[in-house]
Amino acid sequence: MLVVSAFAKAQDCAILTSPSILPVENPITWTDEGVAGGYILTITDSGGVESTIQRTPSQTSYRPVAGWPENENYTIVIALREDPADPDPTTICNIQTFSTGSITTLPGCTTINSPLDGAIDVSLTPIITWSYAPRATEYLLNLGTTLGGNDVLDNQLITNGGLSFQVVTPLLEGTTYYASVTPRNAIGEAVGCDNESSFTTLVIDTEVPACTTLSSPTDGEENVALTPLLTWFPVPNADGYILNIGSTPNSSDVVNNIDFGNVTSTFVIDFIEGVKYYVTVTPYNSAGEALDCIQTCFTTTLGCGPYEDAMTGEIIDLNPQIFLEDAYSFCTNDGPLQLNYTGIGEDFSWIQFVDDTELEISSAREVTITESGIYRLDVITEVPIEQGIISCDSSHIFEVTVSEAPVIQDLNISIQGVNLNINVDVIGIGEYEYSVGSIDGPYQDSPVFTNLPISNLDVYVRDKNGCGFDTTSINADFDLGFPKYFTPNGDGINDYWQVRGRVVDGETITFIEVYDRFGKKITGFSPRGMGWDGTFNGRRLLDAGFWYKAYTLSNRTLVGHFALRR
């Protein structure tokens, strides 16, 4: 019998914390002793079969991938490794025992892990794998060419807790197959499972693909950047492409047989200036590589850069340096945006992006911009070098935002119980923020304010780019001119609720709305008419309190309360 090592302390040992009679789907667990090197488990069954399992420091549980067999007795020795670099354990603990229980219920369901559901280009002899189903001792595998079909495998039995099956007889090319796995034990088969998945097999090529060539740079192109993006024409039946680049014809001293898979472009870093490069792109598929593909060539720039001077180590960059911001903004009342390029250059092009097109708006050093959008400046300069004159160019993309002061067009006010809800209606092309109560804020991006007290309120809207602000106010509990109650009982006295006079305290009333105490709009009317008769949709309303919202010619909003009494 193994005992605790002479160097260990009793409290250092890991103790099983799982029940002594363990359900077959559960893991064994033990106390975490905080060892840096983890744990080594030696588990022996009643037949003397021994298994060794290693666990990391954070792993304090273990269950076989296919679950435990039922009604089995085990002994276990847990060894502790203090040093991760030392394969030998520091402490070997006492033998402990546990048993597995009987399986008394149906197994749970499983899911197919591979091939993935919906996978394409699957091998003609795939390995089908699935996850462990609790309490399962065996599995039934069905495979067919129709949904729920089994014309390929009909209830193929997988015993001994196996979780995979190798299809030996090759499947058909380019065909969709449907697979399902049903867990089973001595009690019966799992019920209610929906684990069918599908996959499509690959098509084996019988002909090698055609050749391809570079699409960029074009064959014979000069003044190519020193770090260009190489692209080539795709070939329909190619599975991938092999790239060779040489500094002489039929050589590959720069890039040698690099497989880019099914990709049709790549950056190449730091070509040498003024060198002609020869490129061969060879498509391939399962039938082989394309044959006798021709080379294309291009010549790198004679020195615009940026590149490192081989003699001095200095970074050489002869391209125009464009010192523009990435973003600009201006206010409409300040006039259009004027930009001026003052650096070196002979040719200039200011481009505005309009939908999917590029519109040149200036070919001078200066440009006038009047609207928001995305713009680009292209500059070309001619630079004398030892070999002659080369053209170097640069571009810079920037964004312009045009703003203007907001104008509050309306306050859409709703009354909810004893609170106000406000939606500020603003016109203008700027980006605005909103505040209620103070010009100093706090401000919010939303124009909607809820659960405000019914009181005199000031509303502020300002442009985020500093182009100005607008303000208006709400006057609440405005008594003068608005009756506190009315009695629509048909006696000819006070049967209608209406403002007294179109002008109230110097404000000209243009329209009035009435709301119930829940914020529901009851009616709206002009101050020129009779007013409200106390009905809604032709039905007389009972005694209750109501709110009014009166709009004025000066864009103020008056809010108050009144009562209906029969």
Protein backbone atom coordinates (compact mmCIF):
# COMPACT_ATOMS: atom_id res chain seq x y z
CA MET A 1 0.00 0.00 0.00
CA LEU A 2 1.22 3.51 -0.81
CA VAL A 3 1.54 5.91 2.10
CA VAL A 4 2.15 9.63 2.49
CA SER A 5 5.79 10.44 1.69
CA ALA A 6 8.18 11.24 4.47
CA PHE A 7 8.45 14.85 3.24
CA ALA A 8 4.73 15.53 3.23
CA LYS A 9 2.42 16.77 5.92
CA ALA A 10 -1.00 15.17 6.37
CA GLN A 11 -2.77 18.44 5.67
CA ASP A 12 -0.94 18.71 2.32
CA CYS A 13 -2.86 15.78 0.84
CA ALA A 14 -5.80 16.20 -1.48
CA ILE A 15 -8.99 14.60 -0.12
CA LEU A 16 -11.87 13.39 -2.26
CA THR A 17 -14.93 15.62 -1.83
CA SER A 18 -17.29 13.77 -4.21
CA PRO A 19 -19.74 11.21 -2.81
CA SER A 20 -18.45 7.70 -2.17
CA ILE A 21 -21.18 6.31 -4.46
CA LEU A 22 -20.71 8.41 -7.57
CA PRO A 23 -23.34 8.83 -10.35
CA VAL A 24 -21.76 7.66 -13.61
CA GLU A 25 -22.15 11.09 -15.26
CA ASN A 26 -20.50 13.02 -12.40
CA PRO A 27 -16.79 13.80 -11.93
CA ILE A 28 -14.77 12.95 -8.89
CA THR A 29 -13.64 16.08 -7.02
CA TRP A 30 -10.97 16.78 -4.42
CA THR A 31 -9.71 19.58 -2.21
CA ASP A 32 -7.58 22.29 -3.79
CA GLU A 33 -4.14 22.21 -2.17
CA GLY A 34 -2.77 25.13 -4.19
CA VAL A 35 0.15 23.22 -5.68
CA ALA A 36 1.96 24.97 -8.52
CA GLY A 37 2.60 21.81 -10.52
CA GLY A 38 -0.85 20.27 -10.36
CA TYR A 39 -2.00 16.74 -9.59
CA ILE A 40 -1.24 13.21 -10.81
CA LEU A 41 -4.09 10.72 -10.38
CA THR A 42 -3.56 6.95 -10.36
CA ILE A 43 -6.97 5.26 -10.65
CA THR A 44 -7.31 1.44 -10.53
CA ASP A 45 -10.54 -0.48 -11.16
CA SER A 46 -11.62 -3.78 -9.60
CA GLY A 47 -9.94 -5.72 -12.41
CA GLY A 48 -6.55 -4.14 -11.73
CA VAL A 49 -6.58 -1.86 -14.80
CA GLU A 50 -4.65 1.25 -13.88
CA SER A 51 -4.94 4.75 -15.44
CA THR A 52 -2.72 7.76 -14.84
CA ILE A 53 -4.20 11.24 -15.32
CA GLN A 54 -2.50 14.61 -14.95
CA ARG A 55 -4.43 17.73 -13.95
CA THR A 56 -3.32 21.36 -13.85
CA PRO A 57 -3.26 23.35 -10.56
CA SER A 58 -6.72 24.80 -11.26
CA GLN A 59 -8.29 21.44 -12.12
CA THR A 60 -9.67 19.65 -9.07
CA SER A 61 -12.11 17.32 -10.81
CA TYR A 62 -11.99 14.46 -13.31
CA ARG A 63 -14.39 12.35 -15.30
CA PRO A 64 -13.56 10.02 -18.17
CA VAL A 65 -14.53 11.42 -21.55
CA ALA A 66 -17.13 8.69 -22.03
CA GLY A 67 -18.32 8.69 -18.40
CA TRP A 68 -17.85 6.02 -15.71
CA PRO A 69 -19.09 2.43 -16.01
CA GLU A 70 -21.83 1.57 -13.54
CA ASN A 71 -21.34 -0.48 -10.37
CA GLU A 72 -17.55 -0.33 -10.43
CA ASN A 73 -15.16 -0.03 -7.47
CA TYR A 74 -12.06 2.12 -7.70
CA THR A 75 -8.97 2.99 -5.71
CA ILE A 76 -7.26 6.33 -6.27
CA VAL A 77 -3.93 7.82 -5.26
CA ILE A 78 -3.54 11.59 -5.70
CA ALA A 79 0.04 12.83 -6.02
CA LEU A 80 0.92 16.54 -5.68
CA ARG A 81 3.58 18.34 -7.76
CA GLU A 82 4.93 21.47 -6.10
CA ASP A 83 7.38 22.32 -8.92
CA PRO A 84 5.88 22.62 -12.44
CA ALA A 85 9.31 21.92 -13.97
CA ASP A 86 9.76 18.69 -12.00
CA PRO A 87 7.80 15.71 -13.40
CA ASP A 88 8.20 13.79 -10.14
CA PRO A 89 5.54 14.36 -7.45
CA THR A 90 6.45 16.08 -4.20
CA THR A 91 3.75 14.35 -2.17
CA ILE A 92 2.03 10.98 -2.71
CA CYS A 93 -1.16 10.69 -0.66
CA ASN A 94 -2.92 7.75 0.92
CA ILE A 95 -5.09 5.39 -1.09
CA GLN A 96 -8.73 6.49 -1.23
CA THR A 97 -11.73 4.60 -2.62
CA PHE A 98 -14.99 5.36 -4.40
CA SER A 99 -17.63 3.42 -6.34
CA THR A 100 -19.99 4.23 -9.16
CA GLY A 101 -23.73 3.82 -8.84
CA SER A 102 -26.27 1.97 -10.94
CA ILE A 103 -27.87 3.48 -14.03
CA THR A 104 -31.59 3.76 -13.31
CA THR A 105 -32.80 6.37 -15.82
CA LEU A 106 -32.62 6.92 -19.56
CA PRO A 107 -29.53 8.63 -20.95
CA GLY A 108 -29.45 12.31 -21.85
CA CYS A 109 -28.98 13.69 -25.35
CA THR A 110 -25.79 14.38 -27.27
CA THR A 111 -24.62 16.71 -30.03
CA ILE A 112 -22.46 15.96 -33.06
CA ASN A 113 -19.15 17.80 -32.86
CA SER A 114 -17.71 17.01 -36.28
CA PRO A 115 -18.24 17.45 -39.08
CA LEU A 116 -19.75 20.78 -38.04
CA ASP A 117 -23.38 21.30 -38.95
CA GLY A 118 -23.44 22.83 -42.43
CA ALA A 119 -19.78 22.08 -43.13
CA ILE A 120 -18.71 21.80 -46.76
CA ASP A 121 -15.76 20.15 -48.48
CA VAL A 122 -15.83 17.34 -45.93
CA SER A 123 -13.63 14.28 -46.53
CA LEU A 124 -15.21 11.31 -48.32
CA THR A 125 -14.22 9.15 -45.35
CA PRO A 126 -14.98 11.48 -42.44
CA ILE A 127 -14.68 10.72 -38.75
CA ILE A 128 -18.00 11.52 -37.07
CA THR A 129 -17.60 12.54 -33.41
CA TRP A 130 -20.10 13.48 -30.72
CA SER A 131 -20.11 14.53 -27.08
CA TYR A 132 -20.75 12.26 -24.10
CA ALA A 133 -24.40 11.81 -23.17
CA PRO A 134 -25.01 11.44 -19.42
CA ARG A 135 -25.60 7.80 -18.42
CA ALA A 136 -25.11 6.49 -22.00
CA THR A 137 -23.25 3.20 -22.38
CA GLU A 138 -23.57 2.93 -26.18
CA TYR A 139 -24.78 4.94 -29.17
CA LEU A 140 -26.75 4.35 -32.38
CA LEU A 141 -25.45 6.24 -35.41
CA ASN A 142 -27.60 6.93 -38.48
CA LEU A 143 -26.31 8.47 -41.70
CA GLY A 144 -28.29 9.12 -44.86
CA THR A 145 -28.68 11.31 -47.91
CA THR A 146 -32.09 12.62 -46.86
CA LEU A 147 -33.31 14.38 -43.75
CA GLY A 148 -33.77 11.65 -41.13
CA GLY A 149 -32.42 9.08 -43.58
CA ASN A 150 -30.32 5.98 -42.81
CA ASP A 151 -29.46 4.65 -46.28
CA VAL A 152 -25.71 4.81 -45.50
CA LEU A 153 -25.62 3.75 -41.83
CA ASP A 154 -28.68 2.24 -40.16
CA ASN A 155 -28.45 2.26 -36.35
CA GLN A 156 -24.72 1.56 -36.39
CA LEU A 157 -23.96 0.40 -32.82
CA ILE A 158 -21.05 2.10 -31.04
CA THR A 159 -20.23 0.28 -27.81
CA ASN A 160 -17.86 0.71 -24.86
CA GLY A 161 -18.71 4.38 -24.55
CA GLY A 162 -17.15 5.22 -27.92
CA LEU A 163 -17.65 8.80 -29.09
CA SER A 164 -16.54 8.54 -32.73
CA PHE A 165 -16.95 6.51 -35.89
CA GLN A 166 -14.72 6.37 -38.97
CA VAL A 167 -16.66 6.10 -42.26
CA VAL A 168 -14.65 3.49 -44.21
CA THR A 169 -16.58 3.18 -47.47
CA PRO A 170 -16.06 6.49 -49.34
CA LEU A 171 -19.11 8.72 -49.55
CA LEU A 172 -20.27 10.34 -52.79
CA GLU A 173 -18.58 13.56 -53.91
CA GLY A 174 -20.43 16.85 -53.52
CA THR A 175 -23.33 15.24 -51.68
CA THR A 176 -25.16 16.44 -48.58
CA TYR A 177 -25.45 13.87 -45.78
CA TYR A 178 -27.52 13.90 -42.58
CA ALA A 179 -26.18 12.34 -39.38
CA SER A 180 -27.85 11.66 -36.02
CA VAL A 181 -26.69 9.90 -32.85
CA THR A 182 -29.05 8.30 -30.29
CA PRO A 183 -27.59 7.52 -26.83
CA ARG A 184 -28.68 4.24 -25.19
CA ASN A 185 -28.23 2.28 -21.96
CA ALA A 186 -29.80 -0.74 -20.30
CA ILE A 187 -32.92 1.29 -19.44
CA GLY A 188 -33.54 2.35 -23.04
CA GLU A 189 -32.84 5.01 -25.63
CA ALA A 190 -32.72 8.76 -25.04
CA VAL A 191 -35.97 10.55 -25.93
CA GLY A 192 -36.77 14.02 -27.22
CA CYS A 193 -33.34 14.59 -28.76
CA ASP A 194 -32.90 16.79 -31.82
CA ASN A 195 -29.26 16.40 -32.76
CA GLU A 196 -29.33 15.78 -36.50
CA SER A 197 -26.69 17.72 -38.41
CA SER A 198 -25.74 17.88 -42.08
CA PHE A 199 -22.53 18.22 -44.04
CA THR A 200 -21.54 18.21 -47.71
CA THR A 201 -18.62 16.22 -49.07
CA LEU A 202 -15.93 17.72 -51.24
CA VAL A 203 -15.66 17.44 -54.99
CA ILE A 204 -12.39 15.88 -56.12
CA ASP A 205 -10.87 17.74 -59.04
CA THR A 206 -9.90 15.74 -62.09
CA GLU A 207 -8.28 18.58 -64.02
CA VAL A 208 -5.55 20.96 -62.88
CA PRO A 209 -6.56 24.65 -62.90
CA ALA A 210 -5.60 27.16 -65.58
CA CYS A 211 -2.81 29.68 -65.03
CA THR A 212 -3.22 33.21 -63.74
CA THR A 213 -1.20 36.44 -63.78
CA LEU A 214 -0.94 39.57 -61.69
CA SER A 215 -3.79 42.03 -62.02
CA SER A 216 -1.87 44.65 -60.04
CA PRO A 217 0.79 45.81 -60.68
CA THR A 218 0.14 45.26 -64.37
CA ASP A 219 2.70 43.50 -66.54
CA GLY A 220 5.54 45.91 -67.35
CA GLU A 221 4.34 48.63 -64.95
CA GLU A 222 7.01 51.04 -63.67
CA ASN A 223 7.35 53.23 -60.58
CA VAL A 224 5.64 50.60 -58.41
CA ALA A 225 5.70 51.34 -54.67
CA LEU A 226 8.37 49.64 -52.59
CA THR A 227 5.67 48.00 -50.47
CA PRO A 228 3.00 47.14 -53.04
CA LEU A 229 -0.17 45.12 -52.77
CA LEU A 230 0.12 42.27 -55.28
CA THR A 231 -3.19 40.96 -56.60
CA TRP A 232 -3.87 38.26 -59.17
CA PHE A 233 -6.86 37.05 -61.14
CA PRO A 234 -8.82 34.26 -59.42
CA VAL A 235 -9.19 30.90 -61.18
CA PRO A 236 -12.59 29.16 -60.76
CA ASN A 237 -11.40 25.62 -59.89
CA ALA A 238 -8.29 26.60 -57.90
CA ASP A 239 -8.00 25.58 -54.25
CA GLY A 240 -5.01 27.84 -53.69
CA TYR A 241 -2.08 29.74 -55.20
CA ILE A 242 1.73 29.43 -54.94
CA LEU A 243 3.74 32.64 -55.32
CA ASN A 244 7.30 32.96 -56.62
CA ILE A 245 9.14 36.29 -57.04
CA GLY A 246 12.64 36.72 -58.40
CA SER A 247 14.97 39.56 -59.35
CA THR A 248 15.86 37.71 -62.57
CA PRO A 249 13.70 35.75 -65.03
CA ASN A 250 12.67 32.26 -63.85
CA SER A 251 14.16 32.80 -60.37
CA SER A 252 12.59 32.87 -56.90
CA ASP A 253 15.31 34.54 -54.81
CA VAL A 254 12.84 37.03 -53.25
CA VAL A 255 9.79 34.82 -52.54
CA ASN A 256 10.14 31.06 -52.92
CA ASN A 257 7.08 28.81 -53.28
CA ILE A 258 4.86 30.42 -50.63
CA ASP A 259 1.39 28.86 -50.52
CA PHE A 260 -1.26 31.56 -49.95
CA GLY A 261 -4.22 29.18 -49.92
CA ASN A 262 -7.37 30.48 -51.55
CA VAL A 263 -6.26 34.14 -51.28
CA THR A 264 -5.69 36.38 -54.31
CA SER A 265 -3.64 39.22 -52.83
CA THR A 266 -0.70 39.92 -50.53
CA PHE A 267 1.51 42.77 -49.43
CA VAL A 268 5.24 42.42 -50.08
CA ILE A 269 7.43 44.43 -47.75
CA ASP A 270 10.46 46.50 -48.74
CA PHE A 271 11.31 45.81 -52.37
CA ILE A 272 14.53 47.47 -53.52
CA GLU A 273 14.13 50.70 -55.49
CA GLY A 274 14.57 50.67 -59.26
CA VAL A 275 14.59 46.86 -59.62
CA LYS A 276 12.57 44.78 -62.09
CA TYR A 277 10.85 41.86 -60.36
CA TYR A 278 9.48 38.73 -62.03
CA VAL A 279 6.37 37.13 -60.58
CA THR A 280 4.79 33.72 -61.14
CA VAL A 281 1.48 32.77 -59.54
CA THR A 282 0.67 29.06 -59.87
CA PRO A 283 -2.90 27.91 -59.07
CA TYR A 284 -3.43 24.39 -57.74
CA ASN A 285 -6.18 22.01 -56.69
CA SER A 286 -6.47 18.38 -55.64
CA ALA A 287 -5.57 17.27 -59.18
CA GLY A 288 -2.28 19.16 -59.17
CA GLU A 289 -0.67 22.49 -60.10
CA ALA A 290 -1.27 24.57 -63.20
CA LEU A 291 1.37 23.94 -65.88
CA ASP A 292 3.78 26.34 -67.59
CA CYS A 293 2.42 29.57 -66.10
CA ILE A 294 4.03 32.69 -67.58
CA GLN A 295 5.78 35.37 -65.57
CA THR A 296 4.73 38.99 -65.28
CA CYS A 297 7.11 41.72 -64.27
CA PHE A 298 7.12 45.21 -62.82
CA THR A 299 9.77 47.76 -61.85
CA THR A 300 9.85 49.50 -58.50
CA THR A 301 10.09 53.26 -58.14
CA LEU A 302 13.48 54.93 -58.45
CA GLY A 303 13.28 56.42 -55.03
CA CYS A 304 10.17 58.27 -53.78
CA GLY A 305 10.30 56.16 -50.61
CA PRO A 306 10.01 56.01 -47.78
CA TYR A 307 12.97 53.65 -47.59
CA GLU A 308 16.23 53.33 -45.70
CA ASP A 309 19.37 54.57 -47.43
CA ALA A 310 21.74 51.60 -47.52
CA MET A 311 24.80 53.84 -47.08
CA THR A 312 23.69 56.26 -44.35
CA GLY A 313 20.75 54.45 -42.70
CA GLU A 314 18.71 57.61 -43.21
CA ILE A 315 15.01 57.28 -44.05
CA ILE A 316 14.44 58.79 -47.51
CA ASP A 317 10.96 60.11 -48.34
CA LEU A 318 10.62 62.30 -51.44
CA ASN A 319 6.84 62.20 -51.44
CA PRO A 320 4.99 65.48 -50.74
CA GLN A 321 4.25 66.00 -47.05
CA ILE A 322 0.61 67.00 -46.59
CA PHE A 323 -0.04 68.72 -43.28
CA LEU A 324 -3.81 68.73 -43.05
CA GLU A 325 -6.06 67.78 -40.15
CA ASP A 326 -8.09 64.59 -40.23
CA ALA A 327 -11.29 66.52 -39.48
CA TYR A 328 -12.58 70.09 -39.84
CA SER A 329 -15.79 71.83 -38.84
CA PHE A 330 -17.23 75.27 -39.48
CA CYS A 331 -20.43 77.20 -38.87
CA THR A 332 -22.63 78.35 -41.73
CA ASN A 333 -22.75 81.90 -40.38
CA ASP A 334 -18.93 82.06 -40.52
CA GLY A 335 -18.84 81.30 -44.25
CA PRO A 336 -17.30 78.34 -46.13
CA LEU A 337 -14.12 76.48 -45.12
CA GLN A 338 -10.97 77.70 -46.87
CA LEU A 339 -7.99 75.31 -47.04
CA ASN A 340 -4.58 75.98 -48.59
CA TYR A 341 -1.78 73.50 -49.32
CA THR A 342 1.61 75.25 -48.97
CA GLY A 343 4.01 72.33 -49.44
CA ILE A 344 5.97 71.18 -52.48
CA GLY A 345 4.06 69.97 -55.54
CA GLU A 346 3.14 70.76 -59.12
CA ASP A 347 -0.23 69.03 -59.57
CA PHE A 348 -3.10 69.22 -57.09
CA SER A 349 -6.51 67.62 -56.94
CA TRP A 350 -9.09 68.21 -54.21
CA ILE A 351 -11.60 65.35 -54.34
CA GLN A 352 -15.06 65.16 -52.77
CA PHE A 353 -16.60 61.71 -52.30
CA VAL A 354 -20.20 61.83 -53.51
CA ASP A 355 -22.01 58.51 -53.03
CA ASP A 356 -19.78 56.02 -54.92
CA THR A 357 -18.05 58.59 -57.13
CA GLU A 358 -15.10 60.97 -56.75
CA LEU A 359 -15.73 64.59 -57.80
CA GLU A 360 -12.79 66.96 -58.33
CA ILE A 361 -13.71 70.35 -56.83
CA SER A 362 -10.36 72.14 -57.24
CA SER A 363 -7.06 71.66 -59.10
CA ALA A 364 -5.30 74.57 -57.36
CA ARG A 365 -3.48 74.83 -54.06
CA GLU A 366 -6.62 76.28 -52.49
CA VAL A 367 -10.10 74.90 -52.08
CA THR A 368 -13.41 76.26 -50.80
CA ILE A 369 -15.65 73.71 -49.06
CA THR A 370 -19.30 74.46 -48.38
CA GLU A 371 -20.81 71.17 -47.23
CA SER A 372 -20.20 68.24 -44.95
CA GLY A 373 -18.53 65.14 -46.36
CA ILE A 374 -15.37 63.12 -46.95
CA TYR A 375 -12.61 64.78 -48.99
CA ARG A 376 -9.13 63.91 -50.27
CA LEU A 377 -6.18 65.96 -51.44
CA ASP A 378 -3.84 64.39 -54.04
CA VAL A 379 -0.45 66.07 -54.61
CA ILE A 380 2.12 65.14 -57.28
CA THR A 381 5.64 66.54 -57.43
CA GLU A 382 8.55 65.91 -59.79
CA VAL A 383 11.85 65.14 -58.08
CA PRO A 384 15.26 65.14 -59.81
CA ILE A 385 17.48 62.14 -58.98
CA GLU A 386 20.67 60.75 -60.49
CA GLN A 387 18.76 58.69 -63.03
CA GLY A 388 16.53 61.60 -64.12
CA ILE A 389 13.21 62.93 -62.87
CA ILE A 390 10.60 60.84 -61.07
CA SER A 391 7.06 61.66 -60.04
CA CYS A 392 6.18 61.27 -56.37
CA ASP A 393 2.69 61.60 -54.94
CA SER A 394 0.83 61.70 -51.65
CA SER A 395 -2.82 61.72 -50.58
CA HIS A 396 -4.65 62.76 -47.45
CA ILE A 397 -8.30 62.00 -46.60
CA PHE A 398 -10.18 64.26 -44.19
CA GLU A 399 -13.74 64.82 -43.02
CA VAL A 400 -15.61 68.12 -42.95
CA THR A 401 -18.61 68.82 -40.71
CA VAL A 402 -20.81 71.86 -41.32
CA SER A 403 -22.94 73.10 -38.41
CA GLU A 404 -25.38 75.88 -37.72
CA ALA A 405 -27.22 77.30 -34.74
CA PRO A 406 -30.33 75.32 -33.81
CA VAL A 407 -33.86 76.70 -34.05
CA ILE A 408 -36.46 75.30 -31.66
CA GLN A 409 -39.50 74.76 -33.84
CA ASP A 410 -41.81 73.24 -31.23
CA LEU A 411 -42.01 71.63 -27.81
CA ASN A 412 -44.08 68.47 -28.00
CA ILE A 413 -45.38 68.26 -24.45
CA SER A 414 -47.35 65.40 -22.93
CA ILE A 415 -48.68 65.36 -19.38
CA GLN A 416 -48.39 62.09 -17.43
CA GLY A 417 -50.12 62.35 -14.08
CA VAL A 418 -48.33 65.19 -12.30
CA ASN A 419 -45.30 65.14 -14.59
CA LEU A 420 -44.34 66.62 -17.95
CA ASN A 421 -42.70 64.81 -20.86
CA ILE A 422 -41.01 67.02 -23.46
CA ASN A 423 -39.77 66.19 -26.96
CA VAL A 424 -37.85 69.16 -28.38
CA ASP A 425 -38.42 69.62 -32.13
CA VAL A 426 -35.38 71.36 -33.66
CA ILE A 427 -34.50 72.34 -37.20
CA GLY A 428 -30.90 72.79 -38.38
CA ILE A 429 -28.03 70.80 -39.90
CA GLY A 430 -25.81 70.72 -36.81
CA GLU A 431 -25.20 68.10 -34.16
CA TYR A 432 -27.12 69.27 -31.12
CA GLU A 433 -27.43 68.60 -27.40
CA TYR A 434 -30.23 69.52 -25.01
CA SER A 435 -30.74 70.83 -21.50
CA VAL A 436 -33.69 71.73 -19.28
CA GLY A 437 -33.32 74.20 -16.45
CA SER A 438 -29.95 75.87 -17.07
CA ILE A 439 -27.92 77.13 -19.99
CA ASP A 440 -24.90 75.58 -18.27
CA GLY A 441 -26.43 72.10 -18.42
CA PRO A 442 -26.10 69.27 -17.85
CA TYR A 443 -26.74 68.54 -21.54
CA GLN A 444 -27.84 65.30 -23.17
CA ASP A 445 -27.85 63.99 -26.74
CA SER A 446 -31.51 63.02 -26.68
CA PRO A 447 -34.21 65.68 -27.28
CA VAL A 448 -36.60 63.76 -25.00
CA PHE A 449 -37.06 64.63 -21.31
CA THR A 450 -39.40 62.63 -19.07
CA ASN A 451 -40.87 62.90 -15.58
CA LEU A 452 -40.28 66.64 -15.28
CA PRO A 453 -42.20 68.60 -12.64
CA ILE A 454 -45.01 70.77 -13.96
CA SER A 455 -43.41 74.16 -13.37
CA ASN A 456 -41.86 77.04 -15.26
CA LEU A 457 -39.03 75.49 -17.29
CA ASP A 458 -36.42 76.86 -19.67
CA VAL A 459 -35.30 74.60 -22.54
CA TYR A 460 -31.88 75.05 -24.19
CA VAL A 461 -30.45 73.53 -27.36
CA ARG A 462 -26.85 74.14 -28.42
CA ASP A 463 -24.64 73.06 -31.30
CA LYS A 464 -21.82 70.73 -30.27
CA ASN A 465 -19.42 72.54 -32.61
CA GLY A 466 -20.05 75.91 -30.97
CA CYS A 467 -22.23 77.41 -33.72
CA GLY A 468 -24.83 78.81 -31.31
CA PHE A 469 -27.88 77.91 -29.25
CA ASP A 470 -31.62 78.55 -28.96
CA THR A 471 -33.91 78.65 -25.97
CA THR A 472 -37.59 78.70 -25.17
CA SER A 473 -39.66 78.38 -22.01
CA ILE A 474 -42.69 76.61 -20.59
CA ASN A 475 -45.01 78.59 -18.31
CA ALA A 476 -46.90 76.22 -16.00
CA ASP A 477 -49.83 76.90 -13.67
CA PHE A 478 -50.68 79.95 -15.76
CA ASP A 479 -53.96 81.08 -14.24
CA LEU A 480 -54.72 84.39 -15.94
CA GLY A 481 -57.19 83.84 -18.80
CA PHE A 482 -57.62 80.09 -18.22
CA PRO A 483 -60.66 79.07 -16.11
CA LYS A 484 -60.00 76.78 -13.16
CA TYR A 485 -63.18 74.78 -13.84
CA PHE A 486 -66.27 74.53 -16.02
CA THR A 487 -69.70 72.83 -15.70
CA PRO A 488 -70.94 71.29 -18.97
CA ASN A 489 -74.42 70.38 -17.63
CA GLY A 490 -76.49 72.01 -20.38
CA ASP A 491 -77.79 74.93 -18.34
CA GLY A 492 -76.20 77.41 -20.75
CA ILE A 493 -73.81 78.70 -18.08
CA ASN A 494 -70.11 77.79 -18.22
CA ASP A 495 -70.82 74.81 -20.52
CA TYR A 496 -67.56 75.20 -22.48
CA TRP A 497 -63.96 75.48 -21.32
CA GLN A 498 -62.06 78.12 -23.32
CA VAL A 499 -59.36 80.72 -22.79
CA ARG A 500 -60.70 84.17 -22.00
CA GLY A 501 -59.42 86.25 -24.88
CA ARG A 502 -56.83 85.36 -27.48
CA VAL A 503 -54.14 87.48 -25.75
CA VAL A 504 -53.10 86.45 -22.26
CA ASP A 505 -50.58 88.61 -20.42
CA GLY A 506 -49.16 89.82 -23.68
CA GLU A 507 -48.99 86.35 -25.28
CA THR A 508 -51.17 85.58 -28.34
CA ILE A 509 -52.69 82.11 -28.01
CA THR A 510 -52.69 80.14 -31.29
CA PHE A 511 -53.92 76.68 -30.26
CA ILE A 512 -54.97 74.75 -27.14
CA GLU A 513 -54.78 71.04 -26.33
CA VAL A 514 -56.47 69.19 -23.43
CA TYR A 515 -55.09 66.02 -21.73
CA ASP A 516 -56.43 63.74 -19.02
CA ARG A 517 -54.44 63.03 -15.88
CA PHE A 518 -52.80 59.98 -17.54
CA GLY A 519 -51.36 62.05 -20.38
CA LYS A 520 -53.93 61.00 -23.00
CA LYS A 521 -54.85 63.75 -25.45
CA ILE A 522 -58.59 64.46 -25.30
CA THR A 523 -59.05 67.31 -27.77
CA GLY A 524 -57.47 70.33 -29.46
CA PHE A 525 -59.11 73.55 -30.55
CA SER A 526 -58.56 77.14 -31.65
CA PRO A 527 -58.99 80.03 -29.19
CA ARG A 528 -61.43 81.54 -31.72
CA GLY A 529 -64.07 78.82 -31.27
CA MET A 530 -66.45 77.71 -28.55
CA GLY A 531 -63.86 75.59 -26.75
CA TRP A 532 -64.29 72.14 -25.22
CA ASP A 533 -67.72 70.73 -24.25
CA GLY A 534 -66.47 68.01 -21.87
CA THR A 535 -66.91 65.06 -24.27
CA PHE A 536 -64.55 62.56 -25.84
CA ASN A 537 -65.55 60.79 -29.06
CA GLY A 538 -69.13 61.94 -28.44
CA ARG A 539 -69.24 60.54 -24.89
CA ARG A 540 -69.71 62.78 -21.87
CA LEU A 541 -66.83 62.54 -19.40
CA LEU A 542 -67.32 62.38 -15.65
CA ASP A 543 -66.00 64.84 -13.09
CA ALA A 544 -62.21 64.83 -13.22
CA GLY A 545 -59.10 66.97 -13.44
CA PHE A 546 -57.50 67.85 -16.80
CA TRP A 547 -54.39 69.57 -18.10
CA TYR A 548 -54.14 72.13 -20.84
CA LYS A 549 -51.24 73.03 -23.11
CA ALA A 550 -51.55 76.37 -24.89
CA TYR A 551 -49.22 77.42 -27.73
CA THR A 552 -48.35 81.08 -28.31
CA LEU A 553 -47.30 83.13 -31.30
CA SER A 554 -43.89 83.75 -29.68
CA ASN A 555 -43.20 80.01 -29.42
CA ARG A 556 -43.89 79.80 -25.69
CA THR A 557 -45.96 76.98 -24.22
CA LEU A 558 -48.38 77.60 -21.33
CA VAL A 559 -49.34 74.60 -19.16
CA GLY A 560 -51.90 74.40 -16.40
CA HIS A 561 -54.68 72.43 -14.67
CA PHE A 562 -58.49 72.74 -14.53
CA ALA A 563 -61.49 70.67 -13.41
CA LEU A 564 -64.67 69.38 -15.03
CA ARG A 565 -67.72 69.44 -12.74
CA ARG A 566 -71.19 68.24 -13.76
